[in-house]
Protein backbone atom coordinates (compact mmCIF):
# COMPACT_ATOMS: atom_id res chain seq x y z
CA MET A 1 -159.27 52.10 44.98
CA CYS A 2 -159.58 55.01 42.55
CA GLU A 3 -157.53 57.26 44.86
CA VAL A 4 -154.70 54.74 44.91
CA LEU A 5 -154.64 54.57 41.13
CA ASP A 6 -154.65 58.37 40.91
CA LYS A 7 -151.67 58.56 43.26
CA VAL A 8 -149.77 55.92 41.30
CA GLU A 9 -150.50 57.73 38.04
CA ALA A 10 -149.39 61.08 39.49
CA ARG A 11 -146.18 59.54 40.82
CA GLY A 12 -145.45 58.01 37.43
CA ARG A 13 -145.91 61.36 35.74
CA LYS A 14 -143.62 63.07 38.26
CA GLU A 15 -140.92 60.44 37.74
CA GLY A 16 -141.24 60.91 33.98
CA VAL A 17 -140.80 64.66 34.32
CA ILE A 18 -137.75 64.16 36.52
CA SER A 19 -136.23 61.76 33.98
CA VAL A 20 -136.68 64.31 31.18
CA LEU A 21 -135.21 67.10 33.30
CA ILE A 22 -132.21 64.93 34.19
CA SER A 23 -131.65 64.23 30.49
CA LEU A 24 -131.78 67.96 29.73
CA VAL A 25 -129.25 68.71 32.48
CA LYS A 26 -126.99 65.89 31.32
CA ASP A 27 -127.11 67.26 27.75
CA GLY A 28 -126.21 70.74 29.02
CA ILE A 29 -129.55 72.29 28.02
CA LEU A 30 -130.71 73.07 31.58
CA SER A 31 -128.79 73.94 34.71
CA ILE A 32 -129.31 71.79 37.78
CA SER A 33 -130.91 74.74 39.58
CA GLU A 34 -133.39 75.32 36.72
CA ALA A 35 -134.26 71.62 36.64
CA ALA A 36 -134.82 71.67 40.39
CA LYS A 37 -137.16 74.66 40.06
CA ARG A 38 -139.13 73.00 37.27
CA ALA A 39 -139.44 69.80 39.31
CA ASP A 40 -140.42 71.79 42.40
CA MET A 41 -137.65 70.27 44.50
CA SER A 42 -134.33 71.24 46.01
CA GLU A 43 -131.05 70.92 44.13
CA ASP A 44 -129.93 68.31 46.67
CA ARG A 45 -133.01 66.23 46.03
CA ILE A 46 -132.64 66.31 42.25
CA ASN A 47 -128.94 65.48 42.65
CA ASN A 48 -130.02 62.41 44.62
CA ASN A 49 -132.09 61.40 41.58
CA PHE A 50 -128.91 61.63 39.50
CA ILE A 51 -127.14 59.35 41.94
CA LYS A 52 -130.01 56.84 41.92
CA LYS A 53 -129.79 56.68 38.12
CA GLY A 54 -126.04 56.08 38.29
CA ILE A 55 -125.14 59.46 36.76
CA LYS A 56 -121.93 60.92 38.14
CA SER A 57 -121.11 64.61 38.16
CA TYR A 58 -117.71 66.24 38.00
CA LEU A 59 -116.93 69.88 38.75
CA ILE A 60 -114.12 71.27 36.60
CA ARG A 61 -113.42 75.02 36.64
CA ASP A 62 -116.91 75.86 37.90
CA ILE A 63 -118.58 73.71 35.21
CA ILE A 64 -120.44 70.56 36.20
CA PHE A 65 -120.16 67.61 33.81
CA TYR A 66 -122.55 64.66 34.03
CA ILE A 67 -121.62 61.22 32.73
């Protein structure tokens, strides 16, 4: 039972970190590649997290905007 709770707690922490990183990317503080490195995941995977949260990205003149 304790192992299950540890896994749930770890997953919750990871999701919290991802949420903070997504906010930083959306605010233009971090690049998507830096956020992916900090989350220890690929850029595609972190982009999927954006999609799950309903955040759309637009590429205009080599700059990505998130809304």
